[in-house]
Amino acid sequence: MKHILFLCVGNSVRSQMAEGIARSLAPQGVMISSAGSNPSSVHPMAIKVLAEIGIDISSHRSKHVSEINLSSVDLVVTLCAEEVCPALPFGVSKLHWGFSDPTATPQDTSQQLEKFRKIRDELKQTISGMAFLCDPKGAGYTL
């Protein structure tokens, strides 16, 4: 089974949204998970903006990377931008997508919601470009 892990610090926004989006696109047999090095809780705005596009992550919880069976992971995608991404010392394919944290600077609710939507849309576009998630035959998956 192919297993993709989206990893960031808090496992509250970017990695949670990436997990939800990837699960909605992945063919059967591809396992998708997310975790963080210092997990907190899933941000309500992450839940809200994914619900706007028909993806429900309301039952997700933030997980520490130690809760993931790392020996089953084929690909780690780190999503940190301003902060230091967690590093995993095992031999696995890695990608880094530097997405800004929409909670990083104080702002009013409407501005923050727009930042969450922007990250959601960028994640969806980037994940949609991963051929092995969109092609049920796994074309483009070379791990």
Protein backbone atom coordinates (compact mmCIF):
# COMPACT_ATOMS: atom_id res chain seq x y z
CA MET A 1 0.00 0.00 0.00
CA LYS A 2 1.28 3.47 -0.84
CA HIS A 3 1.36 5.83 2.14
CA ILE A 4 1.77 9.62 1.96
CA LEU A 5 2.40 11.62 5.13
CA PHE A 6 1.78 15.37 5.23
CA LEU A 7 3.93 16.84 7.98
CA CYS A 8 4.18 20.22 9.70
CA VAL A 9 4.63 21.52 13.22
CA GLY A 10 1.13 21.84 14.71
CA ASN A 11 -0.84 19.44 12.50
CA SER A 12 -3.66 21.94 12.83
CA VAL A 13 -4.05 23.71 9.47
CA ARG A 14 -1.88 23.00 6.40
CA SER A 15 -1.18 19.30 6.94
CA GLN A 16 -4.78 18.68 8.00
CA MET A 17 -6.13 20.42 4.91
CA ALA A 18 -3.63 18.57 2.70
CA GLU A 19 -4.70 15.25 4.22
CA GLY A 20 -8.38 15.99 3.61
CA ILE A 21 -7.84 17.14 0.04
CA ALA A 22 -5.52 14.25 -0.82
CA ARG A 23 -7.94 11.70 0.64
CA SER A 24 -10.70 13.15 -1.54
CA LEU A 25 -8.53 12.65 -4.65
CA ALA A 26 -6.63 9.46 -3.87
CA PRO A 27 -7.55 6.19 -5.52
CA GLN A 28 -8.26 3.16 -3.39
CA GLY A 29 -5.05 1.71 -1.97
CA VAL A 30 -3.28 4.99 -1.28
CA MET A 31 -3.11 5.75 2.45
CA ILE A 32 -3.02 9.41 3.38
CA SER A 33 -2.14 10.73 6.83
CA SER A 34 -0.85 13.85 8.55
CA ALA A 35 1.07 14.62 11.71
CA GLY A 36 3.15 17.28 13.44
CA SER A 37 6.17 17.60 15.66
CA ASN A 38 4.21 19.68 18.19
CA PRO A 39 0.52 18.93 17.55
CA SER A 40 -2.22 21.15 18.93
CA SER A 41 -5.78 20.86 17.59
CA VAL A 42 -7.44 21.13 14.21
CA HIS A 43 -8.20 24.78 13.56
CA PRO A 44 -11.94 25.53 13.11
CA MET A 45 -11.25 27.63 10.01
CA ALA A 46 -9.47 24.69 8.36
CA ILE A 47 -12.61 22.63 8.93
CA LYS A 48 -14.79 25.47 7.62
CA VAL A 49 -12.92 26.17 4.38
CA LEU A 50 -12.72 22.49 3.45
CA ALA A 51 -16.44 22.08 4.16
CA GLU A 52 -17.00 24.87 1.61
CA ILE A 53 -15.63 22.53 -1.08
CA GLY A 54 -17.37 19.40 0.22
CA ILE A 55 -14.53 17.89 2.29
CA ASP A 56 -15.29 16.98 5.90
CA ILE A 57 -12.34 16.95 8.32
CA SER A 58 -14.44 17.68 11.39
CA SER A 59 -13.55 14.29 12.88
CA HIS A 60 -9.80 14.77 12.37
CA ARG A 61 -7.50 15.28 15.33
CA SER A 62 -3.96 16.59 15.53
CA LYS A 63 -1.45 13.77 15.80
CA HIS A 64 2.19 13.59 16.84
CA VAL A 65 4.51 12.08 14.26
CA SER A 66 5.29 9.30 16.77
CA GLU A 67 1.70 8.05 16.25
CA ILE A 68 2.44 7.24 12.60
CA ASN A 69 3.95 3.93 11.55
CA LEU A 70 6.89 5.52 9.76
CA SER A 71 8.04 2.23 8.27
CA SER A 72 4.90 2.24 6.09
CA VAL A 73 5.46 5.76 4.72
CA ASP A 74 6.56 6.05 1.07
CA LEU A 75 6.49 9.84 0.76
CA VAL A 76 6.70 12.69 3.28
CA VAL A 77 5.49 16.12 2.22
CA THR A 78 6.51 18.93 4.58
CA LEU A 79 4.36 22.06 4.47
CA CYS A 80 6.19 24.58 6.68
CA ALA A 81 7.25 28.00 5.46
CA GLU A 82 8.25 30.42 8.22
CA GLU A 83 8.86 27.81 10.93
CA VAL A 84 11.35 24.95 10.99
CA CYS A 85 9.82 21.80 9.53
CA PRO A 86 10.22 18.56 11.40
CA ALA A 87 12.88 16.29 9.95
CA LEU A 88 12.56 12.55 9.81
CA PRO A 89 15.76 10.50 9.84
CA PHE A 90 14.56 7.56 7.77
CA GLY A 91 15.15 6.80 4.11
CA VAL A 92 11.98 7.91 2.38
CA SER A 93 11.16 10.17 -0.53
CA LYS A 94 10.53 13.74 0.59
CA LEU A 95 8.95 16.81 -0.91
CA HIS A 96 8.81 20.27 0.62
CA TRP A 97 5.98 22.66 -0.14
CA GLY A 98 6.46 25.97 1.68
CA PHE A 99 2.93 27.14 2.50
CA SER A 100 2.53 30.12 4.82
CA ASP A 101 0.73 29.61 8.11
CA PRO A 102 -2.58 31.51 7.86
CA THR A 103 -2.63 31.89 11.65
CA ALA A 104 0.87 33.43 11.87
CA THR A 105 -0.09 37.11 12.09
CA PRO A 106 -3.02 38.68 13.92
CA GLN A 107 -5.82 39.77 11.62
CA ASP A 108 -9.56 40.14 11.63
CA THR A 109 -11.72 37.09 11.01
CA SER A 110 -12.56 37.90 7.39
CA GLN A 111 -8.89 38.46 6.50
CA GLN A 112 -7.89 35.23 8.21
CA LEU A 113 -10.67 33.31 6.46
CA GLU A 114 -9.41 34.58 3.10
CA LYS A 115 -5.89 33.39 3.98
CA PHE A 116 -7.27 29.94 4.84
CA ARG A 117 -9.15 29.83 1.54
CA LYS A 118 -6.02 30.85 -0.37
CA ILE A 119 -3.97 28.07 1.27
CA ARG A 120 -6.82 25.59 0.63
CA ASP A 121 -6.96 26.51 -3.06
CA GLU A 122 -3.17 26.36 -3.46
CA LEU A 123 -3.04 22.98 -1.71
CA LYS A 124 -5.84 21.63 -3.90
CA GLN A 125 -4.09 22.79 -7.06
CA THR A 126 -0.74 21.35 -5.96
CA ILE A 127 -2.18 18.03 -4.78
CA SER A 128 -4.29 17.73 -7.94
CA GLY A 129 -1.02 17.88 -9.87
CA MET A 130 0.22 14.70 -8.19
CA ALA A 131 -0.59 12.27 -11.00
CA PHE A 132 -0.58 9.18 -8.78
CA LEU A 133 -3.42 10.64 -6.71
CA CYS A 134 -5.61 11.42 -9.68
CA ASP A 135 -4.91 8.45 -11.94
CA PRO A 136 -6.46 5.24 -10.58
CA LYS A 137 -3.76 3.22 -12.34
CA GLY A 138 -1.08 5.11 -10.40
CA ALA A 139 0.61 6.68 -13.41
CA GLY A 140 3.44 8.90 -12.39
CA TYR A 141 3.97 7.22 -9.03
CA THR A 142 7.62 6.19 -9.06
CA LEU A 143 8.42 5.33 -5.46
